[in-house]
Amino acid sequence: MDVDRESIIEIDRTLSAPGATPSELPADAQEGIPATASPPASSNEVHSINLLLGAIVIGAQANVQWLRSSQPDLEAAQRTSARLLAQIQNLCEMVDGLRSGQT
């Protein structure tokens, strides 16, 4: 996914809102986030995982931008890192649920 610096920062701010989810991103921001069709029973879970993976990629790109800036924003990078850790934990729980047959 190739997104310009301003878009990454705006997406990161959108996802920083309490309770925000990747599905709340504008449609153009979701372009690079893989979507799934709806055939199997677990398509909602697969779609959620794809959105979460896209959000993690965007968060990682945002962190690079926060840290590469001429005046690095360490607080923003820390917030983004904390959110990334929570998203990764959520992703692990989703995958574990799918593995064990829980939905």
C-alpha atoms as a PDB file:
ATOM      1  CA  MET A   1       0.000   0.000   0.000  1.00  0.00           C
ATOM      2  CA  ASP A   2       1.513   3.301  -1.074  1.00  0.00           C
ATOM      3  CA  VAL A   3      -0.004   6.293   0.704  1.00  0.00           C
ATOM      4  CA  ASP A   4       1.376   9.832   0.915  1.00  0.00           C
ATOM      5  CA  ARG A   5       2.588  11.289   4.223  1.00  0.00           C
ATOM      6  CA  GLU A   6      -0.438  13.539   4.812  1.00  0.00           C
ATOM      7  CA  SER A   7      -2.855  10.678   4.189  1.00  0.00           C
ATOM      8  CA  ILE A   8      -0.981   8.416   6.588  1.00  0.00           C
ATOM      9  CA  ILE A   9      -1.069  11.058   9.313  1.00  0.00           C
ATOM     10  CA  GLU A  10      -4.783  11.754   8.742  1.00  0.00           C
ATOM     11  CA  ILE A  11      -5.611   8.038   8.780  1.00  0.00           C
ATOM     12  CA  ASP A  12      -3.565   7.602  11.951  1.00  0.00           C
ATOM     13  CA  ARG A  13      -5.458  10.460  13.622  1.00  0.00           C
ATOM     14  CA  THR A  14      -8.782   8.927  12.545  1.00  0.00           C
ATOM     15  CA  LEU A  15      -7.795   5.576  14.013  1.00  0.00           C
ATOM     16  CA  SER A  16      -6.586   7.278  17.203  1.00  0.00           C
ATOM     17  CA  ALA A  17     -10.132   8.237  18.171  1.00  0.00           C
ATOM     18  CA  PRO A  18     -11.460   6.157  21.061  1.00  0.00           C
ATOM     19  CA  GLY A  19     -13.217   3.053  19.722  1.00  0.00           C
ATOM     20  CA  ALA A  20     -12.282   3.798  16.109  1.00  0.00           C
ATOM     21  CA  THR A  21     -12.161   0.906  13.678  1.00  0.00           C
ATOM     22  CA  PRO A  22     -10.642   0.618  10.197  1.00  0.00           C
ATOM     23  CA  SER A  23     -14.143   0.489   8.676  1.00  0.00           C
ATOM     24  CA  GLU A  24     -14.602   4.128   9.756  1.00  0.00           C
ATOM     25  CA  LEU A  25     -11.880   5.243   7.362  1.00  0.00           C
ATOM     26  CA  PRO A  26     -12.937   7.084   4.204  1.00  0.00           C
ATOM     27  CA  ALA A  27     -13.399   4.780   1.206  1.00  0.00           C
ATOM     28  CA  ASP A  28     -10.231   6.047  -0.505  1.00  0.00           C
ATOM     29  CA  ALA A  29      -8.196   5.230   2.615  1.00  0.00           C
ATOM     30  CA  GLN A  30      -9.540   1.679   2.544  1.00  0.00           C
ATOM     31  CA  GLU A  31      -8.441   1.180  -1.092  1.00  0.00           C
ATOM     32  CA  GLY A  32      -5.293  -0.745  -0.193  1.00  0.00           C
ATOM     33  CA  ILE A  33      -6.951  -2.708   2.594  1.00  0.00           C
ATOM     34  CA  PRO A  34      -7.871  -6.106   1.197  1.00  0.00           C
ATOM     35  CA  ALA A  35     -11.585  -6.857   1.186  1.00  0.00           C
ATOM     36  CA  THR A  36     -13.286 -10.217   0.936  1.00  0.00           C
ATOM     37  CA  ALA A  37     -16.370 -11.416  -0.850  1.00  0.00           C
ATOM     38  CA  SER A  38     -18.999 -13.073   1.298  1.00  0.00           C
ATOM     39  CA  PRO A  39     -18.973 -16.781   0.473  1.00  0.00           C
ATOM     40  CA  PRO A  40     -17.944 -18.815   3.563  1.00  0.00           C
ATOM     41  CA  ALA A  41     -19.512 -18.632   7.000  1.00  0.00           C
ATOM     42  CA  SER A  42     -16.485 -16.858   8.456  1.00  0.00           C
ATOM     43  CA  SER A  43     -16.370 -14.091   5.828  1.00  0.00           C
ATOM     44  CA  ASN A  44     -17.110 -11.416   8.445  1.00  0.00           C
ATOM     45  CA  GLU A  45     -14.150 -12.581  10.520  1.00  0.00           C
ATOM     46  CA  VAL A  46     -11.887 -12.725   7.474  1.00  0.00           C
ATOM     47  CA  HIS A  47     -13.004  -9.240   6.462  1.00  0.00           C
ATOM     48  CA  SER A  48     -12.347  -7.968  10.007  1.00  0.00           C
ATOM     49  CA  ILE A  49      -8.880  -9.523   9.944  1.00  0.00           C
ATOM     50  CA  ASN A  50      -8.122  -7.917   6.567  1.00  0.00           C
ATOM     51  CA  LEU A  51      -9.247  -4.507   7.831  1.00  0.00           C
ATOM     52  CA  LEU A  52      -7.184  -4.910  10.980  1.00  0.00           C
ATOM     53  CA  LEU A  53      -4.110  -5.898   8.972  1.00  0.00           C
ATOM     54  CA  GLY A  54      -4.601  -2.814   6.805  1.00  0.00           C
ATOM     55  CA  ALA A  55      -4.869  -0.631   9.912  1.00  0.00           C
ATOM     56  CA  ILE A  56      -1.657  -2.164  11.272  1.00  0.00           C
ATOM     57  CA  VAL A  57       0.161  -1.411   8.010  1.00  0.00           C
ATOM     58  CA  ILE A  58      -1.105   2.169   8.082  1.00  0.00           C
ATOM     59  CA  GLY A  59      -0.075   2.533  11.736  1.00  0.00           C
ATOM     60  CA  ALA A  60       3.415   1.247  10.987  1.00  0.00           C
ATOM     61  CA  GLN A  61       3.706   3.698   8.073  1.00  0.00           C
ATOM     62  CA  ALA A  62       2.493   6.503  10.332  1.00  0.00           C
ATOM     63  CA  ASN A  63       5.153   5.629  12.912  1.00  0.00           C
ATOM     64  CA  VAL A  64       7.839   5.853  10.258  1.00  0.00           C
ATOM     65  CA  GLN A  65       6.519   9.303   9.306  1.00  0.00           C
ATOM     66  CA  TRP A  66       6.316  10.468  12.938  1.00  0.00           C
ATOM     67  CA  LEU A  67       9.939   9.421  13.504  1.00  0.00           C
ATOM     68  CA  ARG A  68      11.415  10.573  10.155  1.00  0.00           C
ATOM     69  CA  SER A  69       9.979  14.075  10.435  1.00  0.00           C
ATOM     70  CA  SER A  70      12.430  16.957  10.770  1.00  0.00           C
ATOM     71  CA  GLN A  71      10.918  17.342  14.246  1.00  0.00           C
ATOM     72  CA  PRO A  72      10.005  13.784  15.272  1.00  0.00           C
ATOM     73  CA  ASP A  73       6.745  13.517  17.189  1.00  0.00           C
ATOM     74  CA  LEU A  74       7.654  10.940  19.814  1.00  0.00           C
ATOM     75  CA  GLU A  75       4.334  11.230  21.653  1.00  0.00           C
ATOM     76  CA  ALA A  76       2.398  10.463  18.462  1.00  0.00           C
ATOM     77  CA  ALA A  77       4.737   7.546  17.743  1.00  0.00           C
ATOM     78  CA  GLN A  78       4.187   6.204  21.263  1.00  0.00           C
ATOM     79  CA  ARG A  79       0.397   6.479  20.921  1.00  0.00           C
ATOM     80  CA  THR A  80       0.523   4.794  17.539  1.00  0.00           C
ATOM     81  CA  SER A  81       2.785   2.046  18.903  1.00  0.00           C
ATOM     82  CA  ALA A  82       0.416   1.399  21.809  1.00  0.00           C
ATOM     83  CA  ARG A  83      -2.514   1.197  19.393  1.00  0.00           C
ATOM     84  CA  LEU A  84      -0.540  -1.136  17.117  1.00  0.00           C
ATOM     85  CA  LEU A  85       0.175  -3.460  20.029  1.00  0.00           C
ATOM     86  CA  ALA A  86      -3.527  -3.533  20.931  1.00  0.00           C
ATOM     87  CA  GLN A  87      -4.464  -4.180  17.282  1.00  0.00           C
ATOM     88  CA  ILE A  88      -1.934  -6.997  17.019  1.00  0.00           C
ATOM     89  CA  GLN A  89      -3.273  -8.551  20.237  1.00  0.00           C
ATOM     90  CA  ASN A  90      -6.808  -8.271  18.836  1.00  0.00           C
ATOM     91  CA  LEU A  91      -5.645  -9.887  15.605  1.00  0.00           C
ATOM     92  CA  CYS A  92      -4.025 -12.764  17.515  1.00  0.00           C
ATOM     93  CA  GLU A  93      -7.266 -13.317  19.431  1.00  0.00           C
ATOM     94  CA  MET A  94      -9.278 -13.349  16.192  1.00  0.00           C
ATOM     95  CA  VAL A  95      -6.945 -15.877  14.594  1.00  0.00           C
ATOM     96  CA  ASP A  96      -6.954 -18.052  17.727  1.00  0.00           C
ATOM     97  CA  GLY A  97     -10.763 -17.941  17.711  1.00  0.00           C
ATOM     98  CA  LEU A  98     -10.876 -19.038  14.090  1.00  0.00           C
ATOM     99  CA  ARG A  99      -8.379 -21.833  14.747  1.00  0.00           C
ATOM    100  CA  SER A 100     -10.431 -23.164  17.640  1.00  0.00           C
ATOM    101  CA  GLY A 101     -13.648 -22.936  15.638  1.00  0.00           C
ATOM    102  CA  GLN A 102     -15.105 -20.081  17.688  1.00  0.00           C
ATOM    103  CA  THR A 103     -16.588 -17.078  15.946  1.00  0.00           C
END
